[in-house]
Protein backbone atom coordinates (compact mmCIF):
# COMPACT_ATOMS: atom_id res chain seq x y z
CA UNK A 1 -33.10 -0.06 -4.53
CA UNK A 2 -29.63 1.48 -4.83
CA UNK A 3 -26.80 -0.49 -6.41
CA UNK A 4 -23.35 -1.73 -5.50
CA UNK A 5 -21.28 -2.23 -8.65
CA UNK A 6 -18.27 -4.51 -8.15
CA UNK A 7 -15.70 -3.60 -10.79
CA UNK A 8 -13.02 -6.23 -11.35
CA UNK A 9 -12.38 -9.44 -9.44
CA UNK A 10 -12.81 -9.57 -5.67
CA UNK A 11 -11.41 -12.50 -3.65
CA UNK A 12 -14.06 -15.10 -2.83
CA UNK A 13 -13.93 -14.51 0.92
CA UNK A 14 -14.61 -10.80 0.44
CA UNK A 15 -17.19 -11.41 -2.27
CA UNK A 16 -19.18 -13.64 0.09
CA UNK A 17 -19.29 -10.88 2.71
CA UNK A 18 -20.37 -8.31 0.12
CA UNK A 19 -23.29 -10.42 -1.09
CA UNK A 20 -24.38 -11.25 2.46
CA UNK A 21 -24.37 -7.58 3.45
CA UNK A 22 -26.13 -6.46 0.25
CA UNK A 23 -28.88 -9.10 0.32
CA UNK A 24 -32.32 -7.46 0.28
CA UNK A 25 -30.79 -4.00 0.63
CA UNK A 26 -28.82 -3.29 -2.55
CA UNK A 27 -28.82 -4.59 -6.08
CA UNK A 28 -25.41 -6.04 -6.93
CA UNK A 29 -23.73 -6.00 -10.33
CA UNK A 30 -20.33 -7.47 -11.16
CA UNK A 31 -18.46 -6.20 -14.23
CA UNK A 32 -15.06 -7.01 -15.72
CA UNK A 33 -14.72 -4.21 -18.27
CA UNK A 34 -15.52 -0.53 -18.76
CA UNK A 35 -17.97 -1.55 -21.47
CA UNK A 36 -19.92 -3.65 -18.97
CA UNK A 37 -19.71 -0.88 -16.37
CA UNK A 38 -21.43 1.53 -18.77
CA UNK A 39 -24.59 -0.62 -18.58
CA UNK A 40 -25.02 0.06 -14.86
CA UNK A 41 -24.50 3.83 -14.65
CA UNK A 42 -28.06 4.78 -13.77
CA UNK A 43 -29.83 5.48 -10.50
CA UNK A 44 -27.85 5.77 -7.28
CA UNK A 45 -24.85 3.50 -7.05
CA UNK A 46 -21.57 2.81 -5.32
CA UNK A 47 -18.53 1.57 -7.25
CA UNK A 48 -16.38 -0.95 -5.45
CA UNK A 49 -12.76 -1.60 -6.36
CA UNK A 50 -12.74 -0.05 -9.86
CA UNK A 51 -10.52 -0.07 -12.93
CA UNK A 52 -8.09 2.81 -13.36
CA UNK A 53 -10.33 5.86 -13.62
CA UNK A 54 -8.96 9.02 -15.13
CA UNK A 55 -10.89 12.23 -15.65
CA UNK A 56 -12.39 10.95 -18.92
CA UNK A 57 -13.73 7.76 -17.32
CA UNK A 58 -15.12 9.63 -14.32
CA UNK A 59 -16.84 12.16 -16.57
CA UNK A 60 -18.78 9.28 -18.15
CA UNK A 61 -20.27 8.23 -14.81
CA UNK A 62 -23.96 8.96 -15.06
CA UNK A 63 -26.87 8.81 -12.66
CA UNK A 64 -25.90 9.50 -9.07
CA UNK A 65 -22.51 7.91 -8.50
CA UNK A 66 -21.91 8.53 -4.83
CA UNK A 67 -18.75 6.64 -3.97
CA UNK A 68 -15.72 4.98 -5.56
CA UNK A 69 -14.33 2.68 -2.86
CA UNK A 70 -10.91 1.21 -3.49
CA UNK A 71 -9.89 -2.25 -2.31
CA UNK A 72 -6.88 -1.64 -0.06
CA UNK A 73 -5.26 1.79 0.34
CA UNK A 74 -3.95 2.63 -3.13
CA UNK A 75 -5.75 5.43 -4.96
CA UNK A 76 -3.18 6.57 -7.51
CA UNK A 77 -5.23 4.95 -10.30
CA UNK A 78 -8.17 7.31 -9.69
CA UNK A 79 -8.32 10.99 -10.60
CA UNK A 80 -9.50 12.09 -7.18
CA UNK A 81 -9.87 15.72 -8.23
CA UNK A 82 -12.19 14.86 -11.13
CA UNK A 83 -14.24 12.62 -8.85
CA UNK A 84 -14.50 15.30 -6.17
CA UNK A 85 -15.62 17.97 -8.63
CA UNK A 86 -18.34 15.59 -9.78
CA UNK A 87 -19.43 15.12 -6.16
CA UNK A 88 -18.11 11.56 -5.90
CA UNK A 89 -16.27 10.50 -2.76
CA UNK A 90 -13.17 8.35 -3.21
CA UNK A 91 -12.47 6.14 -0.20
CA UNK A 92 -9.85 3.58 0.71
CA UNK A 93 -9.71 0.83 3.34
CA UNK A 94 -7.70 3.02 5.69
CA UNK A 95 -5.61 0.96 8.06
CA UNK A 96 -7.39 -2.31 7.29
CA UNK A 97 -4.47 -3.94 5.51
CA UNK A 98 -1.80 -2.54 7.80
CA UNK A 99 -1.17 -5.80 9.67
CA UNK A 100 -0.70 -8.10 6.65
CA UNK A 101 1.45 -5.51 4.86
CA UNK A 102 3.57 -5.05 7.98
CA UNK A 103 3.99 -8.81 8.31
CA UNK A 104 5.02 -9.16 4.66
CA UNK A 105 7.45 -6.27 5.08
CA UNK A 106 9.24 -8.05 7.92
CA UNK A 107 9.12 -11.32 5.98
CA UNK A 108 10.87 -9.63 3.03
CA UNK A 109 13.51 -8.20 5.33
CA UNK A 110 14.25 -11.63 6.80
CA UNK A 111 14.13 -13.40 3.42
CA UNK A 112 16.68 -10.94 2.04
CA UNK A 113 19.03 -10.82 5.00
CA UNK A 114 19.07 -14.64 5.24
CA UNK A 115 18.99 -15.32 1.46
CA UNK A 116 15.87 -17.48 1.75
CA UNK A 117 15.40 -18.14 -2.00
CA UNK A 118 18.99 -19.40 -2.29
CA UNK A 119 18.66 -21.60 0.80
CA UNK A 120 15.45 -23.12 -0.57
CA UNK A 121 17.07 -23.75 -3.94
CA UNK A 122 19.93 -25.65 -2.33
CA UNK A 123 17.58 -27.71 -0.19
CA UNK A 124 15.56 -28.70 -3.27
CA UNK A 125 18.80 -29.70 -4.99
CA UNK A 126 19.70 -31.98 -2.10
CA UNK A 127 22.59 -29.78 -1.02
CA UNK A 128 23.64 -29.32 2.59
CA UNK A 129 26.41 -26.77 2.06
CA UNK A 130 25.46 -23.35 3.34
CA UNK A 131 28.56 -21.85 4.91
CA UNK A 132 29.05 -19.34 2.10
CA UNK A 133 25.45 -18.15 2.53
CA UNK A 134 25.85 -17.89 6.30
CA UNK A 135 28.95 -15.74 5.75
CA UNK A 136 26.77 -13.10 4.03
CA UNK A 137 23.65 -13.41 6.18
CA UNK A 138 22.58 -10.94 8.84
CA UNK A 139 20.25 -10.44 11.80
CA UNK A 140 17.64 -7.70 12.08
CA UNK A 141 18.68 -7.40 15.72
CA UNK A 142 21.24 -4.66 16.14
CA UNK A 143 20.51 -3.05 12.79
CA UNK A 144 19.09 0.42 12.18
CA UNK A 145 15.76 0.26 10.33
CA UNK A 146 14.69 3.53 8.70
CA UNK A 147 10.99 3.82 7.95
CA UNK A 148 9.95 6.33 5.30
CA UNK A 149 6.38 6.93 6.46
CA UNK A 150 5.04 6.33 9.97
CA UNK A 151 1.38 5.73 9.31
CA UNK A 152 -0.58 2.68 10.34
CA UNK A 153 1.68 0.24 8.47
CA UNK A 154 4.92 1.95 9.45
CA UNK A 155 3.96 1.88 13.11
CA UNK A 156 3.28 -1.84 13.01
CA UNK A 157 6.61 -2.46 11.30
CA UNK A 158 8.32 -0.31 13.92
CA UNK A 159 6.80 -2.39 16.71
CA UNK A 160 7.75 -5.66 15.03
CA UNK A 161 11.39 -4.90 14.23
CA UNK A 162 11.83 -3.00 17.48
CA UNK A 163 10.71 -6.15 19.27
CA UNK A 164 13.41 -8.05 17.35
CA UNK A 165 16.12 -5.77 18.67
CA UNK A 166 16.44 -3.23 15.85
CA UNK A 167 17.00 0.49 16.32
CA UNK A 168 14.14 2.27 14.53
CA UNK A 169 14.23 5.71 12.95
CA UNK A 170 11.68 7.31 10.67
CA UNK A 171 10.95 10.18 8.34
CA UNK A 172 7.42 11.45 7.73
CA UNK A 173 6.25 14.90 6.62
CA UNK A 174 3.77 14.67 9.51
CA UNK A 175 6.02 14.13 12.48
CA UNK A 176 4.49 12.02 15.25
CA UNK A 177 3.82 13.47 18.68
CA UNK A 178 6.66 13.07 21.21
CA UNK A 179 4.60 10.64 23.27
CA UNK A 180 3.98 8.49 20.18
CA UNK A 181 7.69 8.44 19.34
CA UNK A 182 8.44 7.39 22.90
CA UNK A 183 5.76 4.70 22.91
CA UNK A 184 7.03 3.23 19.62
CA UNK A 185 10.68 3.69 20.52
CA UNK A 186 11.42 5.56 17.28
CA UNK A 187 13.58 8.57 16.43
CA UNK A 188 12.70 11.15 13.78
CA UNK A 189 15.37 11.94 11.19
CA UNK A 190 15.44 14.11 8.07
CA UNK A 191 15.13 11.92 4.98
CA UNK A 192 18.73 12.38 3.81
CA UNK A 193 20.10 11.44 7.21
CA UNK A 194 17.81 8.41 7.39
CA UNK A 195 18.99 7.18 3.99
CA UNK A 196 22.64 7.63 4.90
CA UNK A 197 22.47 5.94 8.30
CA UNK A 198 20.02 3.04 7.86
CA UNK A 199 20.91 -0.61 7.37
CA UNK A 200 17.36 -1.25 6.13
CA UNK A 201 15.18 1.39 4.45
CA UNK A 202 11.48 0.47 4.29
CA UNK A 203 8.92 2.52 2.35
CA UNK A 204 5.40 3.18 3.67
CA UNK A 205 3.64 6.05 1.90
CA UNK A 206 1.14 6.60 -0.91
CA UNK A 207 2.14 7.30 -4.49
CA UNK A 208 1.60 11.03 -5.06
CA UNK A 209 3.24 13.58 -7.34
CA UNK A 210 5.47 14.43 -4.38
CA UNK A 211 6.53 10.81 -3.76
CA UNK A 212 6.95 9.55 -7.33
CA UNK A 213 10.59 8.46 -7.73
CA UNK A 214 11.33 9.69 -4.23
CA UNK A 215 13.94 6.95 -4.22
CA UNK A 216 15.90 7.85 -7.33
CA UNK A 217 19.56 7.49 -8.30
CA UNK A 218 20.57 10.34 -5.99
CA UNK A 219 18.69 8.85 -3.03
CA UNK A 220 20.14 5.39 -3.67
CA UNK A 221 23.65 6.85 -3.80
CA UNK A 222 23.17 8.15 -0.26
CA UNK A 223 22.47 4.68 1.12
CA UNK A 224 25.12 2.39 2.54
CA UNK A 225 26.52 -0.24 0.14
CA UNK A 226 25.48 -2.74 2.83
CA UNK A 227 21.87 -1.44 3.01
CA UNK A 228 18.67 -3.23 2.08
CA UNK A 229 15.73 -1.41 0.43
CA UNK A 230 12.21 -2.76 1.03
CA UNK A 231 9.15 -1.45 -0.82
CA UNK A 232 5.67 -2.70 0.09
CA UNK A 233 3.98 0.62 -0.77
CA UNK A 234 3.78 1.57 -4.47
CA UNK A 235 6.17 0.74 -7.29
CA UNK A 236 6.34 4.30 -8.62
CA UNK A 237 7.98 5.54 -5.42
CA UNK A 238 11.21 3.90 -6.61
CA UNK A 239 12.97 4.68 -9.88
CA UNK A 240 13.22 1.09 -11.14
CA UNK A 241 15.96 1.75 -13.69
CA UNK A 242 18.12 3.45 -11.07
CA UNK A 243 17.51 0.68 -8.54
CA UNK A 244 18.37 -2.13 -10.97
CA UNK A 245 21.57 -0.33 -11.93
CA UNK A 246 22.54 0.05 -8.26
CA UNK A 247 21.82 -3.62 -7.55
CA UNK A 248 23.70 -4.84 -10.60
CA UNK A 249 26.71 -2.76 -9.53
CA UNK A 250 26.49 -4.17 -5.98
CA UNK A 251 26.02 -0.61 -4.68
CA UNK A 252 23.41 -2.03 -2.28
CA UNK A 253 23.21 -5.27 -0.33
CA UNK A 254 19.85 -5.87 -1.94
CA UNK A 255 16.22 -4.94 -2.40
CA UNK A 256 12.91 -6.65 -1.69
CA UNK A 257 9.88 -5.38 -3.58
CA UNK A 258 6.25 -6.36 -3.25
CA UNK A 259 5.47 -3.74 -5.87
CA UNK A 260 7.40 -2.42 -8.84
CA UNK A 261 6.74 -0.04 -11.73
CA UNK A 262 4.84 -1.56 -14.67
CA UNK A 263 3.93 -4.68 -12.71
CA UNK A 264 3.62 -7.49 -13.49
CA UNK A 265 6.99 -7.65 -15.18
CA UNK A 266 7.49 -10.04 -18.12
CA UNK A 267 9.28 -13.29 -17.31
CA UNK A 268 12.37 -12.22 -19.27
CA UNK A 269 12.75 -8.90 -17.46
CA UNK A 270 16.36 -8.25 -16.37
CA UNK A 271 15.21 -7.74 -12.77
CA UNK A 272 14.79 -11.50 -12.41
CA UNK A 273 18.44 -12.13 -13.23
CA UNK A 274 19.66 -10.26 -10.16
CA UNK A 275 20.62 -12.43 -7.19
CA UNK A 276 20.21 -9.57 -4.71
CA UNK A 277 16.60 -8.74 -5.58
CA UNK A 278 13.42 -10.40 -4.30
CA UNK A 279 10.12 -9.56 -6.04
CA UNK A 280 6.65 -10.67 -4.93
CA UNK A 281 3.44 -9.96 -6.92
CA UNK A 282 1.92 -7.13 -4.88
CA UNK A 283 0.35 -9.47 -2.34
CA UNK A 284 1.05 -7.54 0.85
CA UNK A 285 -2.47 -6.60 1.92
CA UNK A 286 -4.18 -9.80 0.86
CA UNK A 287 -4.84 -12.75 3.12
CA UNK A 288 -8.01 -14.82 3.30
CA UNK A 289 -9.01 -13.39 6.66
CA UNK A 290 -8.11 -9.81 5.77
CA UNK A 291 -10.13 -9.95 2.54
CA UNK A 292 -13.18 -10.39 4.76
CA UNK A 293 -12.08 -7.42 6.87
CA UNK A 294 -11.80 -5.16 3.81
CA UNK A 295 -15.20 -6.20 2.46
CA UNK A 296 -16.81 -5.48 5.82
CA UNK A 297 -15.10 -2.08 6.01
CA UNK A 298 -16.35 -1.13 2.55
CA UNK A 299 -19.91 -2.15 3.39
CA UNK A 300 -19.78 -0.17 6.63
CA UNK A 301 -18.91 2.93 4.61
CA UNK A 302 -21.67 2.28 2.06
CA UNK A 303 -24.21 1.75 4.85
CA UNK A 304 -23.05 4.98 6.50
CA UNK A 305 -23.72 6.90 3.29
CA UNK A 306 -27.12 5.28 2.89
CA UNK A 307 -28.06 6.40 6.39
CA UNK A 308 -27.15 10.00 5.59
CA UNK A 309 -23.74 10.09 7.22
CA UNK A 310 -20.44 10.28 5.40
CA UNK A 311 -18.02 7.38 5.26
CA UNK A 312 -15.47 7.16 8.04
CA UNK A 313 -13.48 10.41 7.61
CA UNK A 314 -10.03 8.87 7.54
CA UNK A 315 -11.01 6.71 4.56
CA UNK A 316 -11.75 9.68 2.26
CA UNK A 317 -8.84 10.77 0.07
CA UNK A 318 -10.40 13.56 -2.02
CA UNK A 319 -11.76 15.77 0.75
CA UNK A 320 -10.14 18.89 -0.69
CA UNK A 321 -12.09 18.57 -3.96
CA UNK A 322 -15.52 17.84 -2.48
CA UNK A 323 -18.36 20.13 -1.55
CA UNK A 324 -20.07 19.68 1.79
CA UNK A 325 -23.07 17.82 0.44
CA UNK A 326 -21.55 14.36 0.94
CA UNK A 327 -20.02 14.71 4.38
CA UNK A 328 -21.88 15.30 7.62
CA UNK A 329 -19.55 13.77 10.20
CA UNK A 330 -18.19 16.56 12.45
CA UNK A 331 -14.77 14.87 12.51
CA UNK A 332 -14.47 15.79 8.86
CA UNK A 333 -13.32 19.26 9.86
CA UNK A 334 -10.17 17.93 11.52
CA UNK A 335 -9.32 14.91 9.38
CA UNK A 336 -7.97 15.19 5.86
CA UNK A 337 -6.66 12.96 3.10
CA UNK A 338 -3.18 13.48 4.48
CA UNK A 339 -4.07 11.91 7.83
CA UNK A 340 -0.85 10.05 8.73
CA UNK A 341 -2.84 7.20 10.23
CA UNK A 342 -4.23 6.17 6.82
CA UNK A 343 -1.17 4.32 5.50
């Protein structure tokens, strides 16, 4: 019987689904360290979630490792080239967490524009005064929201803020079809123009060599002093040092980050002293109901591989490094890891 190796902690709701789907069909092992993982690297197996896996860690995978399936859509912690050259598919839960991430994105926009943490603090202190906060609070309605990335998450954010009366623009290296732009009510802009003209800039792309520190000091300097930056993608997309300097100098209205470089930050980190910065602990894609959705998606891909088919093509992020032995779905020829619908 082939194995499913769960590496790291999986939320209970998802774990229950995994065990139900594996019962009588796969052996299941749960490990919390690379040392424990080494005990299960024989036979045919699928790795679920996974610790950071560089080339050295992937080279140690023995037996017939067929799949490394990430929880969520981030894959920057895996050397996808090394995995592909070893014949191991790396998959993500493409599109599965788009709704909860989109909802958290809008929540962060509202919390920042209306100074929610400060309002809550005053309420807890028994204070009723709020006029000074109201004087620096703003609506989403009537603002220009610039989305950097128009994949699955970006499109949901576009629909949400558009429905609240915002003007929505976007930049994406894969421009959407005219009919899609019309349906979503969005306008394409070059990145520099988007940064200069947006009241809210929201990031929705993977962390790649080409996107690391995409938002650096130069990019931040192009934004309006009244602009809000929201990042629910990956911390490394933003140059943290440059952002904190801009916020401390009041060069931006504020920032709201569900992810930040070197997370989690220590309690005494200077970021927490800024009154125009909201940080949440990378919780965007995780809700009780969506954890079940991600577990089911992963098991669907594992079952598809067991039956001789490849995983759903849009979930595979190392296509360019794989041979043809793993993939039999004819859609594979027209879908790649850069499919804009993934994120």
